[in-house]
Amino acid sequence: SGQVNAGATLFLPLMLTSYQKAYGNIYSATTDVYQSPYAATAET
C-alpha cells in the first residue's frame, strides 16, 4: 500500500548492484529481483 518515490526505477538498479557487489547475497540471479526483459541488463 506504499508510495513509490519519483525516480525509483533509476535508484533501485544502482542500489541492488551496489549491495550485491558489497555483500554478495542480495540475489542468486538477476531474475530473482528483476522482471523480464530488465533482468538481462539491469545489473550492469
PDB file of all heavy atoms in Angstrom:
ATOM      1  N   SER A   1       0.821  -1.217   0.000  1.00  0.00           N
ATOM      2  CA  SER A   1       0.000   0.000   0.000  1.00  0.00           C
ATOM      3  C   SER A   1       0.853   1.264   0.000  1.00  0.00           C
ATOM      4  O   SER A   1       0.345   2.370   0.169  1.00  0.00           O
ATOM      5  CB  SER A   1      -0.916   0.011   1.231  1.00  0.00           C
ATOM      6  OG  SER A   1      -0.150  -0.036   2.422  1.00  0.00           O
ATOM      7  N   GLY A   2       2.154   1.101  -0.160  1.00  0.00           N
ATOM      8  CA  GLY A   2       3.077   2.225  -0.042  1.00  0.00           C
ATOM      9  C   GLY A   2       3.147   3.084  -1.292  1.00  0.00           C
ATOM     10  O   GLY A   2       2.625   2.732  -2.355  1.00  0.00           O
ATOM     11  N   GLN A   3       3.825   4.199  -1.151  1.00  0.00           N
ATOM     12  CA  GLN A   3       4.015   5.142  -2.252  1.00  0.00           C
ATOM     13  C   GLN A   3       5.393   4.935  -2.859  1.00  0.00           C
ATOM     14  O   GLN A   3       6.396   4.924  -2.141  1.00  0.00           O
ATOM     15  CB  GLN A   3       3.886   6.579  -1.736  1.00  0.00           C
ATOM     16  CG  GLN A   3       4.141   7.636  -2.799  1.00  0.00           C
ATOM     17  CD  GLN A   3       4.145   9.042  -2.220  1.00  0.00           C
ATOM     18  OE1 GLN A   3       3.906   9.226  -1.018  1.00  0.00           O
ATOM     19  NE2 GLN A   3       4.411  10.032  -3.051  1.00  0.00           N
ATOM     20  N   VAL A   4       5.447   4.781  -4.171  1.00  0.00           N
ATOM     21  CA  VAL A   4       6.725   4.677  -4.876  1.00  0.00           C
ATOM     22  C   VAL A   4       7.241   6.082  -5.144  1.00  0.00           C
ATOM     23  O   VAL A   4       6.515   6.926  -5.665  1.00  0.00           O
ATOM     24  CB  VAL A   4       6.581   3.886  -6.188  1.00  0.00           C
ATOM     25  CG1 VAL A   4       7.898   3.880  -6.954  1.00  0.00           C
ATOM     26  CG2 VAL A   4       6.135   2.459  -5.890  1.00  0.00           C
ATOM     27  N   ASN A   5       8.478   6.340  -4.793  1.00  0.00           N
ATOM     28  CA  ASN A   5       9.035   7.680  -4.972  1.00  0.00           C
ATOM     29  C   ASN A   5       9.435   7.930  -6.418  1.00  0.00           C
ATOM     30  O   ASN A   5       9.764   7.008  -7.170  1.00  0.00           O
ATOM     31  CB  ASN A   5      10.248   7.891  -4.059  1.00  0.00           C
ATOM     32  CG  ASN A   5      11.382   6.922  -4.342  1.00  0.00           C
ATOM     33  OD1 ASN A   5      11.163   5.741  -4.592  1.00  0.00           O
ATOM     34  ND2 ASN A   5      12.602   7.417  -4.294  1.00  0.00           N
ATOM     35  N   ALA A   6       9.380   9.178  -6.813  1.00  0.00           N
ATOM     36  CA  ALA A   6       9.805   9.566  -8.159  1.00  0.00           C
ATOM     37  C   ALA A   6      11.279   9.219  -8.346  1.00  0.00           C
ATOM     38  O   ALA A   6      12.120   9.573  -7.517  1.00  0.00           O
ATOM     39  CB  ALA A   6       9.585  11.067  -8.365  1.00  0.00           C
ATOM     40  N   GLY A   7      11.588   8.511  -9.423  1.00  0.00           N
ATOM     41  CA  GLY A   7      12.967   8.119  -9.703  1.00  0.00           C
ATOM     42  C   GLY A   7      13.321   6.711  -9.261  1.00  0.00           C
ATOM     43  O   GLY A   7      14.450   6.267  -9.449  1.00  0.00           O
ATOM     44  N   ALA A   8      12.359   5.980  -8.696  1.00  0.00           N
ATOM     45  CA  ALA A   8      12.661   4.681  -8.102  1.00  0.00           C
ATOM     46  C   ALA A   8      13.254   3.684  -9.099  1.00  0.00           C
ATOM     47  O   ALA A   8      14.108   2.875  -8.728  1.00  0.00           O
ATOM     48  CB  ALA A   8      11.401   4.094  -7.470  1.00  0.00           C
ATOM     49  N   THR A   9      12.826   3.719 -10.356  1.00  0.00           N
ATOM     50  CA  THR A   9      13.344   2.740 -11.316  1.00  0.00           C
ATOM     51  C   THR A   9      14.789   3.040 -11.730  1.00  0.00           C
ATOM     52  O   THR A   9      15.427   2.205 -12.371  1.00  0.00           O
ATOM     53  CB  THR A   9      12.453   2.667 -12.579  1.00  0.00           C
ATOM     54  OG1 THR A   9      12.330   3.971 -13.152  1.00  0.00           O
ATOM     55  CG2 THR A   9      11.080   2.111 -12.226  1.00  0.00           C
ATOM     56  N   LEU A  10      15.279   4.199 -11.362  1.00  0.00           N
ATOM     57  CA  LEU A  10      16.699   4.512 -11.566  1.00  0.00           C
ATOM     58  C   LEU A  10      17.499   4.139 -10.324  1.00  0.00           C
ATOM     59  O   LEU A  10      18.609   3.615 -10.406  1.00  0.00           O
ATOM     60  CB  LEU A  10      16.889   5.999 -11.867  1.00  0.00           C
ATOM     61  CG  LEU A  10      16.069   6.574 -13.017  1.00  0.00           C
ATOM     62  CD1 LEU A  10      16.394   8.049 -13.199  1.00  0.00           C
ATOM     63  CD2 LEU A  10      16.320   5.815 -14.304  1.00  0.00           C
ATOM     64  N   PHE A  11      16.936   4.434  -9.155  1.00  0.00           N
ATOM     65  CA  PHE A  11      17.675   4.231  -7.918  1.00  0.00           C
ATOM     66  C   PHE A  11      17.843   2.756  -7.573  1.00  0.00           C
ATOM     67  O   PHE A  11      18.890   2.351  -7.068  1.00  0.00           O
ATOM     68  CB  PHE A  11      16.963   4.935  -6.752  1.00  0.00           C
ATOM     69  CG  PHE A  11      16.636   6.371  -7.012  1.00  0.00           C
ATOM     70  CD1 PHE A  11      15.481   6.936  -6.494  1.00  0.00           C
ATOM     71  CD2 PHE A  11      17.475   7.183  -7.767  1.00  0.00           C
ATOM     72  CE1 PHE A  11      15.170   8.265  -6.718  1.00  0.00           C
ATOM     73  CE2 PHE A  11      17.177   8.513  -8.003  1.00  0.00           C
ATOM     74  CZ  PHE A  11      16.013   9.055  -7.478  1.00  0.00           C
ATOM     75  N   LEU A  12      16.821   1.939  -7.850  1.00  0.00           N
ATOM     76  CA  LEU A  12      16.888   0.538  -7.442  1.00  0.00           C
ATOM     77  C   LEU A  12      17.974  -0.256  -8.175  1.00  0.00           C
ATOM     78  O   LEU A  12      18.685  -1.050  -7.535  1.00  0.00           O
ATOM     79  CB  LEU A  12      15.526  -0.123  -7.588  1.00  0.00           C
ATOM     80  CG  LEU A  12      14.679  -0.182  -6.307  1.00  0.00           C
ATOM     81  CD1 LEU A  12      15.329  -1.060  -5.240  1.00  0.00           C
ATOM     82  CD2 LEU A  12      14.431   1.211  -5.734  1.00  0.00           C
ATOM     83  N   PRO A  13      18.168  -0.103  -9.491  1.00  0.00           N
ATOM     84  CA  PRO A  13      19.291  -0.816 -10.109  1.00  0.00           C
ATOM     85  C   PRO A  13      20.647  -0.402  -9.534  1.00  0.00           C
ATOM     86  O   PRO A  13      21.522  -1.248  -9.322  1.00  0.00           O
ATOM     87  CB  PRO A  13      19.175  -0.446 -11.595  1.00  0.00           C
ATOM     88  CG  PRO A  13      17.725  -0.130 -11.786  1.00  0.00           C
ATOM     89  CD  PRO A  13      17.310   0.539 -10.519  1.00  0.00           C
ATOM     90  N   LEU A  14      20.813   0.894  -9.285  1.00  0.00           N
ATOM     91  CA  LEU A  14      22.056   1.361  -8.664  1.00  0.00           C
ATOM     92  C   LEU A  14      22.257   0.708  -7.302  1.00  0.00           C
ATOM     93  O   LEU A  14      23.346   0.232  -6.960  1.00  0.00           O
ATOM     94  CB  LEU A  14      22.022   2.882  -8.508  1.00  0.00           C
ATOM     95  CG  LEU A  14      22.269   3.727  -9.757  1.00  0.00           C
ATOM     96  CD1 LEU A  14      21.776   5.151  -9.557  1.00  0.00           C
ATOM     97  CD2 LEU A  14      23.757   3.724 -10.109  1.00  0.00           C
ATOM     98  N   MET A  15      21.188   0.666  -6.516  1.00  0.00           N
ATOM     99  CA  MET A  15      21.278   0.166  -5.150  1.00  0.00           C
ATOM    100  C   MET A  15      21.443  -1.348  -5.103  1.00  0.00           C
ATOM    101  O   MET A  15      22.275  -1.875  -4.343  1.00  0.00           O
ATOM    102  CB  MET A  15      20.027   0.585  -4.383  1.00  0.00           C
ATOM    103  CG  MET A  15      20.143   0.455  -2.881  1.00  0.00           C
ATOM    104  SD  MET A  15      18.639   0.986  -2.012  1.00  0.00           S
ATOM    105  CE  MET A  15      18.519   2.680  -2.556  1.00  0.00           C
ATOM    106  N   LEU A  16      20.670  -2.063  -5.914  1.00  0.00           N
ATOM    107  CA  LEU A  16      20.768  -3.523  -5.906  1.00  0.00           C
ATOM    108  C   LEU A  16      22.147  -3.990  -6.359  1.00  0.00           C
ATOM    109  O   LEU A  16      22.734  -4.904  -5.761  1.00  0.00           O
ATOM    110  CB  LEU A  16      19.678  -4.119  -6.795  1.00  0.00           C
ATOM    111  CG  LEU A  16      18.263  -4.066  -6.211  1.00  0.00           C
ATOM    112  CD1 LEU A  16      17.211  -4.294  -7.310  1.00  0.00           C
ATOM    113  CD2 LEU A  16      18.092  -5.106  -5.101  1.00  0.00           C
ATOM    114  N   THR A  17      22.693  -3.371  -7.402  1.00  0.00           N
ATOM    115  CA  THR A  17      24.039  -3.736  -7.848  1.00  0.00           C
ATOM    116  C   THR A  17      25.065  -3.398  -6.780  1.00  0.00           C
ATOM    117  O   THR A  17      25.974  -4.191  -6.494  1.00  0.00           O
ATOM    118  CB  THR A  17      24.386  -3.021  -9.161  1.00  0.00           C
ATOM    119  OG1 THR A  17      23.506  -3.473 -10.193  1.00  0.00           O
ATOM    120  CG2 THR A  17      25.823  -3.305  -9.583  1.00  0.00           C
ATOM    121  N   SER A  18      24.941  -2.232  -6.185  1.00  0.00           N
ATOM    122  CA  SER A  18      25.873  -1.815  -5.134  1.00  0.00           C
ATOM    123  C   SER A  18      25.921  -2.829  -3.998  1.00  0.00           C
ATOM    124  O   SER A  18      27.000  -3.264  -3.575  1.00  0.00           O
ATOM    125  CB  SER A  18      25.447  -0.439  -4.599  1.00  0.00           C
ATOM    126  OG  SER A  18      26.148  -0.101  -3.427  1.00  0.00           O
ATOM    127  N   TYR A  19      24.760  -3.234  -3.509  1.00  0.00           N
ATOM    128  CA  TYR A  19      24.720  -4.134  -2.361  1.00  0.00           C
ATOM    129  C   TYR A  19      25.074  -5.570  -2.752  1.00  0.00           C
ATOM    130  O   TYR A  19      25.663  -6.314  -1.958  1.00  0.00           O
ATOM    131  CB  TYR A  19      23.351  -4.075  -1.688  1.00  0.00           C
ATOM    132  CG  TYR A  19      23.043  -2.730  -1.058  1.00  0.00           C
ATOM    133  CD1 TYR A  19      21.737  -2.373  -0.744  1.00  0.00           C
ATOM    134  CD2 TYR A  19      24.052  -1.806  -0.770  1.00  0.00           C
ATOM    135  CE1 TYR A  19      21.445  -1.141  -0.157  1.00  0.00           C
ATOM    136  CE2 TYR A  19      23.768  -0.575  -0.197  1.00  0.00           C
ATOM    137  CZ  TYR A  19      22.466  -0.246   0.109  1.00  0.00           C
ATOM    138  OH  TYR A  19      22.176   0.970   0.681  1.00  0.00           O
ATOM    139  N   GLN A  20      24.745  -5.973  -3.983  1.00  0.00           N
ATOM    140  CA  GLN A  20      25.164  -7.289  -4.450  1.00  0.00           C
ATOM    141  C   GLN A  20      26.694  -7.364  -4.511  1.00  0.00           C
ATOM    142  O   GLN A  20      27.291  -8.363  -4.098  1.00  0.00           O
ATOM    143  CB  GLN A  20      24.564  -7.586  -5.823  1.00  0.00           C
ATOM    144  CG  GLN A  20      24.989  -8.908  -6.423  1.00  0.00           C
ATOM    145  CD  GLN A  20      24.426 -10.113  -5.687  1.00  0.00           C
ATOM    146  OE1 GLN A  20      23.512 -10.002  -4.886  1.00  0.00           O
ATOM    147  NE2 GLN A  20      24.997 -11.287  -5.954  1.00  0.00           N
ATOM    148  N   LYS A  21      27.328  -6.311  -5.018  1.00  0.00           N
ATOM    149  CA  LYS A  21      28.789  -6.289  -5.106  1.00  0.00           C
ATOM    150  C   LYS A  21      29.424  -6.269  -3.716  1.00  0.00           C
ATOM    151  O   LYS A  21      30.472  -6.891  -3.485  1.00  0.00           O
ATOM    152  CB  LYS A  21      29.251  -5.077  -5.905  1.00  0.00           C
ATOM    153  CG  LYS A  21      28.831  -5.061  -7.362  1.00  0.00           C
ATOM    154  CD  LYS A  21      29.587  -6.066  -8.198  1.00  0.00           C
ATOM    155  CE  LYS A  21      29.277  -5.901  -9.676  1.00  0.00           C
ATOM    156  NZ  LYS A  21      30.007  -6.891 -10.516  1.00  0.00           N
ATOM    157  N   ALA A  22      28.805  -5.550  -2.786  1.00  0.00           N
ATOM    158  CA  ALA A  22      29.389  -5.408  -1.451  1.00  0.00           C
ATOM    159  C   ALA A  22      29.175  -6.640  -0.582  1.00  0.00           C
ATOM    160  O   ALA A  22      30.075  -7.062   0.145  1.00  0.00           O
ATOM    161  CB  ALA A  22      28.801  -4.179  -0.763  1.00  0.00           C
ATOM    162  N   TYR A  23      27.959  -7.224  -0.653  1.00  0.00           N
ATOM    163  CA  TYR A  23      27.596  -8.275   0.295  1.00  0.00           C
ATOM    164  C   TYR A  23      27.425  -9.648  -0.352  1.00  0.00           C
ATOM    165  O   TYR A  23      27.470 -10.667   0.337  1.00  0.00           O
ATOM    166  CB  TYR A  23      26.307  -7.892   1.032  1.00  0.00           C
ATOM    167  CG  TYR A  23      26.362  -6.495   1.610  1.00  0.00           C
ATOM    168  CD1 TYR A  23      25.398  -5.541   1.265  1.00  0.00           C
ATOM    169  CD2 TYR A  23      27.382  -6.103   2.465  1.00  0.00           C
ATOM    170  CE1 TYR A  23      25.450  -4.250   1.783  1.00  0.00           C
ATOM    171  CE2 TYR A  23      27.448  -4.817   2.984  1.00  0.00           C
ATOM    172  CZ  TYR A  23      26.476  -3.895   2.639  1.00  0.00           C
ATOM    173  OH  TYR A  23      26.544  -2.627   3.141  1.00  0.00           O
ATOM    174  N   GLY A  24      27.190  -9.684  -1.660  1.00  0.00           N
ATOM    175  CA  GLY A  24      27.140 -10.943  -2.399  1.00  0.00           C
ATOM    176  C   GLY A  24      25.928 -11.804  -2.161  1.00  0.00           C
ATOM    177  O   GLY A  24      25.898 -12.959  -2.617  1.00  0.00           O
ATOM    178  N   ASN A  25      24.903 -11.297  -1.473  1.00  0.00           N
ATOM    179  CA  ASN A  25      23.784 -12.157  -1.095  1.00  0.00           C
ATOM    180  C   ASN A  25      22.410 -11.548  -1.368  1.00  0.00           C
ATOM    181  O   ASN A  25      21.407 -11.990  -0.821  1.00  0.00           O
ATOM    182  CB  ASN A  25      23.881 -12.509   0.390  1.00  0.00           C
ATOM    183  CG  ASN A  25      23.789 -11.274   1.297  1.00  0.00           C
ATOM    184  OD1 ASN A  25      23.641 -10.150   0.822  1.00  0.00           O
ATOM    185  ND2 ASN A  25      23.900 -11.493   2.596  1.00  0.00           N
ATOM    186  N   ILE A  26      22.356 -10.536  -2.217  1.00  0.00           N
ATOM    187  CA  ILE A  26      21.076  -9.879  -2.493  1.00  0.00           C
ATOM    188  C   ILE A  26      20.226 -10.739  -3.418  1.00  0.00           C
ATOM    189  O   ILE A  26      19.002 -10.805  -3.287  1.00  0.00           O
ATOM    190  CB  ILE A  26      21.292  -8.481  -3.088  1.00  0.00           C
ATOM    191  CG1 ILE A  26      22.188  -7.633  -2.167  1.00  0.00           C
ATOM    192  CG2 ILE A  26      19.968  -7.790  -3.342  1.00  0.00           C
ATOM    193  CD1 ILE A  26      21.649  -7.469  -0.754  1.00  0.00           C
ATOM    194  N   TYR A  27      20.859 -11.422  -4.351  1.00  0.00           N
ATOM    195  CA  TYR A  27      20.152 -12.349  -5.243  1.00  0.00           C
ATOM    196  C   TYR A  27      21.124 -13.396  -5.753  1.00  0.00           C
ATOM    197  O   TYR A  27      22.349 -13.175  -5.775  1.00  0.00           O
ATOM    198  CB  TYR A  27      19.494 -11.616  -6.416  1.00  0.00           C
ATOM    199  CG  TYR A  27      20.381 -10.625  -7.148  1.00  0.00           C
ATOM    200  CD1 TYR A  27      21.331 -11.035  -8.080  1.00  0.00           C
ATOM    201  CD2 TYR A  27      20.249  -9.255  -6.919  1.00  0.00           C
ATOM    202  CE1 TYR A  27      22.128 -10.122  -8.754  1.00  0.00           C
ATOM    203  CE2 TYR A  27      21.041  -8.333  -7.587  1.00  0.00           C
ATOM    204  CZ  TYR A  27      21.984  -8.767  -8.503  1.00  0.00           C
ATOM    205  OH  TYR A  27      22.774  -7.857  -9.160  1.00  0.00           O
ATOM    206  N   SER A  28      20.565 -14.543  -6.132  1.00  0.00           N
ATOM    207  CA  SER A  28      21.379 -15.591  -6.760  1.00  0.00           C
ATOM    208  C   SER A  28      21.473 -15.379  -8.256  1.00  0.00           C
ATOM    209  O   SER A  28      22.473 -15.714  -8.889  1.00  0.00           O
ATOM    210  CB  SER A  28      20.775 -16.967  -6.472  1.00  0.00           C
ATOM    211  OG  SER A  28      20.799 -17.244  -5.091  1.00  0.00           O
ATOM    212  N   ALA A  29      20.400 -14.847  -8.823  1.00  0.00           N
ATOM    213  CA  ALA A  29      20.357 -14.489 -10.246  1.00  0.00           C
ATOM    214  C   ALA A  29      19.534 -13.216 -10.368  1.00  0.00           C
ATOM    215  O   ALA A  29      18.648 -12.954  -9.543  1.00  0.00           O
ATOM    216  CB  ALA A  29      19.717 -15.606 -11.061  1.00  0.00           C
ATOM    217  N   THR A  30      19.814 -12.434 -11.392  1.00  0.00           N
ATOM    218  CA  THR A  30      19.084 -11.169 -11.555  1.00  0.00           C
ATOM    219  C   THR A  30      17.589 -11.390 -11.712  1.00  0.00           C
ATOM    220  O   THR A  30      16.782 -10.533 -11.343  1.00  0.00           O
ATOM    221  CB  THR A  30      19.616 -10.384 -12.761  1.00  0.00           C
ATOM    222  OG1 THR A  30      19.552 -11.216 -13.935  1.00  0.00           O
ATOM    223  CG2 THR A  30      21.047  -9.939 -12.532  1.00  0.00           C
ATOM    224  N   THR A  31      17.200 -12.559 -12.213  1.00  0.00           N
ATOM    225  CA  THR A  31      15.772 -12.865 -12.365  1.00  0.00           C
ATOM    226  C   THR A  31      15.061 -13.021 -11.020  1.00  0.00           C
ATOM    227  O   THR A  31      13.837 -13.029 -10.971  1.00  0.00           O
ATOM    228  CB  THR A  31      15.583 -14.140 -13.205  1.00  0.00           C
ATOM    229  OG1 THR A  31      16.404 -15.187 -12.649  1.00  0.00           O
ATOM    230  CG2 THR A  31      15.969 -13.905 -14.653  1.00  0.00           C
ATOM    231  N   ASP A  32      15.827 -13.131  -9.945  1.00  0.00           N
ATOM    232  CA  ASP A  32      15.215 -13.179  -8.621  1.00  0.00           C
ATOM    233  C   ASP A  32      14.565 -11.848  -8.256  1.00  0.00           C
ATOM    234  O   ASP A  32      13.624 -11.822  -7.453  1.00  0.00           O
ATOM    235  CB  ASP A  32      16.257 -13.507  -7.546  1.00  0.00           C
ATOM    236  CG  ASP A  32      16.844 -14.895  -7.683  1.00  0.00           C
ATOM    237  OD1 ASP A  32      16.218 -15.737  -8.352  1.00  0.00           O
ATOM    238  OD2 ASP A  32      17.928 -15.126  -7.110  1.00  0.00           O
ATOM    239  N   VAL A  33      15.093 -10.776  -8.821  1.00  0.00           N
ATOM    240  CA  VAL A  33      14.599  -9.452  -8.419  1.00  0.00           C
ATOM    241  C   VAL A  33      14.009  -8.649  -9.576  1.00  0.00           C
ATOM    242  O   VAL A  33      13.113  -7.825  -9.360  1.00  0.00           O
ATOM    243  CB  VAL A  33      15.712  -8.631  -7.726  1.00  0.00           C
ATOM    244  CG1 VAL A  33      16.124  -9.291  -6.428  1.00  0.00           C
ATOM    245  CG2 VAL A  33      16.918  -8.426  -8.628  1.00  0.00           C
ATOM    246  N   TYR A  34      14.489  -8.867 -10.803  1.00  0.00           N
ATOM    247  CA  TYR A  34      14.049  -8.066 -11.939  1.00  0.00           C
ATOM    248  C   TYR A  34      13.102  -8.852 -12.847  1.00  0.00           C
ATOM    249  O   TYR A  34      13.321 -10.038 -13.106  1.00  0.00           O
ATOM    250  CB  TYR A  34      15.242  -7.620 -12.791  1.00  0.00           C
ATOM    251  CG  TYR A  34      16.189  -6.682 -12.091  1.00  0.00           C
ATOM    252  CD1 TYR A  34      17.436  -7.133 -11.654  1.00  0.00           C
ATOM    253  CD2 TYR A  34      15.864  -5.349 -11.889  1.00  0.00           C
ATOM    254  CE1 TYR A  34      18.337  -6.282 -11.024  1.00  0.00           C
ATOM    255  CE2 TYR A  34      16.753  -4.483 -11.263  1.00  0.00           C
ATOM    256  CZ  TYR A  34      17.982  -4.967 -10.833  1.00  0.00           C
ATOM    257  OH  TYR A  34      18.873  -4.108 -10.202  1.00  0.00           O
ATOM    258  N   GLN A  35      12.097  -8.172 -13.341  1.00  0.00           N
ATOM    259  CA  GLN A  35      11.225  -8.763 -14.346  1.00  0.00           C
ATOM    260  C   GLN A  35      11.966  -8.825 -15.691  1.00  0.00           C
ATOM    261  O   GLN A  35      12.942  -8.111 -15.924  1.00  0.00           O
ATOM    262  CB  GLN A  35       9.955  -7.919 -14.521  1.00  0.00           C
ATOM    263  CG  GLN A  35       9.020  -7.910 -13.324  1.00  0.00           C
ATOM    264  CD  GLN A  35       7.678  -7.286 -13.646  1.00  0.00           C
ATOM    265  OE1 GLN A  35       7.106  -7.561 -14.707  1.00  0.00           O
ATOM    266  NE2 GLN A  35       7.163  -6.473 -12.727  1.00  0.00           N
ATOM    267  N   SER A  36      11.444  -9.687 -16.567  1.00  0.00           N
ATOM    268  CA  SER A  36      11.907  -9.712 -17.957  1.00  0.00           C
ATOM    269  C   SER A  36      11.276  -8.515 -18.680  1.00  0.00           C
ATOM    270  O   SER A  36      10.117  -8.178 -18.413  1.00  0.00           O
ATOM    271  CB  SER A  36      11.471 -11.018 -18.625  1.00  0.00           C
ATOM    272  OG  SER A  36      11.857 -11.038 -19.975  1.00  0.00           O
ATOM    273  N   PRO A  37      12.028  -7.831 -19.553  1.00  0.00           N
ATOM    274  CA  PRO A  37      13.363  -8.129 -20.065  1.00  0.00           C
ATOM    275  C   PRO A  37      14.488  -7.464 -19.281  1.00  0.00           C
ATOM    276  O   PRO A  37      15.654  -7.566 -19.652  1.00  0.00           O
ATOM    277  CB  PRO A  37      13.307  -7.534 -21.471  1.00  0.00           C
ATOM    278  CG  PRO A  37      12.455  -6.307 -21.300  1.00  0.00           C
ATOM    279  CD  PRO A  37      11.404  -6.694 -20.283  1.00  0.00           C
ATOM    280  N   TYR A  38      14.157  -6.782 -18.188  1.00  0.00           N
ATOM    281  CA  TYR A  38      15.139  -5.940 -17.492  1.00  0.00           C
ATOM    282  C   TYR A  38      16.220  -6.756 -16.797  1.00  0.00           C
ATOM    283  O   TYR A  38      17.341  -6.267 -16.602  1.00  0.00           O
ATOM    284  CB  TYR A  38      14.432  -5.026 -16.498  1.00  0.00           C
ATOM    285  CG  TYR A  38      13.236  -4.351 -17.107  1.00  0.00           C
ATOM    286  CD1 TYR A  38      11.953  -4.584 -16.612  1.00  0.00           C
ATOM    287  CD2 TYR A  38      13.377  -3.522 -18.223  1.00  0.00           C
ATOM    288  CE1 TYR A  38      10.846  -3.991 -17.195  1.00  0.00           C
ATOM    289  CE2 TYR A  38      12.271  -2.928 -18.813  1.00  0.00           C
ATOM    290  CZ  TYR A  38      11.005  -3.171 -18.297  1.00  0.00           C
ATOM    291  OH  TYR A  38       9.914  -2.598 -18.881  1.00  0.00           O
ATOM    292  N   ALA A  39      15.907  -8.003 -16.452  1.00  0.00           N
ATOM    293  CA  ALA A  39      16.879  -8.834 -15.749  1.00  0.00           C
ATOM    294  C   ALA A  39      18.151  -9.050 -16.561  1.00  0.00           C
ATOM    295  O   ALA A  39      19.232  -9.266 -16.001  1.00  0.00           O
ATOM    296  CB  ALA A  39      16.260 -10.187 -15.402  1.00  0.00           C
ATOM    297  N   ALA A  40      18.050  -8.981 -17.878  1.00  0.00           N
ATOM    298  CA  ALA A  40      19.207  -9.261 -18.738  1.00  0.00           C
ATOM    299  C   ALA A  40      20.291  -8.195 -18.637  1.00  0.00           C
ATOM    300  O   ALA A  40      21.469  -8.490 -18.861  1.00  0.00           O
ATOM    301  CB  ALA A  40      18.755  -9.411 -20.191  1.00  0.00           C
ATOM    302  N   THR A  41      19.912  -6.975 -18.304  1.00  0.00           N
ATOM    303  CA  THR A  41      20.894  -5.874 -18.361  1.00  0.00           C
ATOM    304  C   THR A  41      20.952  -5.029 -17.094  1.00  0.00           C
ATOM    305  O   THR A  41      21.864  -4.211 -16.955  1.00  0.00           O
ATOM    306  CB  THR A  41      20.570  -4.944 -19.539  1.00  0.00           C
ATOM    307  OG1 THR A  41      19.215  -4.483 -19.419  1.00  0.00           O
ATOM    308  CG2 THR A  41      20.752  -5.655 -20.864  1.00  0.00           C
ATOM    309  N   ALA A  42      20.023  -5.201 -16.157  1.00  0.00           N
ATOM    310  CA  ALA A  42      19.912  -4.263 -15.035  1.00  0.00           C
ATOM    311  C   ALA A  42      21.155  -4.204 -14.165  1.00  0.00           C
ATOM    312  O   ALA A  42      21.531  -3.134 -13.674  1.00  0.00           O
ATOM    313  CB  ALA A  42      18.696  -4.630 -14.174  1.00  0.00           C
ATOM    314  N   GLU A  43      21.823  -5.334 -13.966  1.00  0.00           N
ATOM    315  CA  GLU A  43      22.967  -5.355 -13.059  1.00  0.00           C
ATOM    316  C   GLU A  43      24.110  -4.471 -13.539  1.00  0.00           C
ATOM    317  O   GLU A  43      24.866  -3.910 -12.728  1.00  0.00           O
ATOM    318  CB  GLU A  43      23.462  -6.787 -12.870  1.00  0.00           C
ATOM    319  CG  GLU A  43      24.559  -6.898 -11.834  1.00  0.00           C
ATOM    320  CD  GLU A  43      24.987  -8.338 -11.582  1.00  0.00           C
ATOM    321  OE1 GLU A  43      25.484  -8.978 -12.529  1.00  0.00           O
ATOM    322  OE2 GLU A  43      24.798  -8.812 -10.453  1.00  0.00           O
ATOM    323  N   THR A  44      24.246  -4.331 -14.843  1.00  0.00           N
ATOM    324  CA  THR A  44      25.344  -3.538 -15.406  1.00  0.00           C
ATOM    325  C   THR A  44      24.851  -2.277 -16.109  1.00  0.00           C
ATOM    326  O   THR A  44      25.577  -1.676 -16.891  1.00  0.00           O
ATOM    327  CB  THR A  44      26.151  -4.392 -16.396  1.00  0.00           C
ATOM    328  OG1 THR A  44      25.274  -4.876 -17.427  1.00  0.00           O
ATOM    329  CG2 THR A  44      26.798  -5.577 -15.696  1.00  0.00           C
TER     330      THR A  44
END
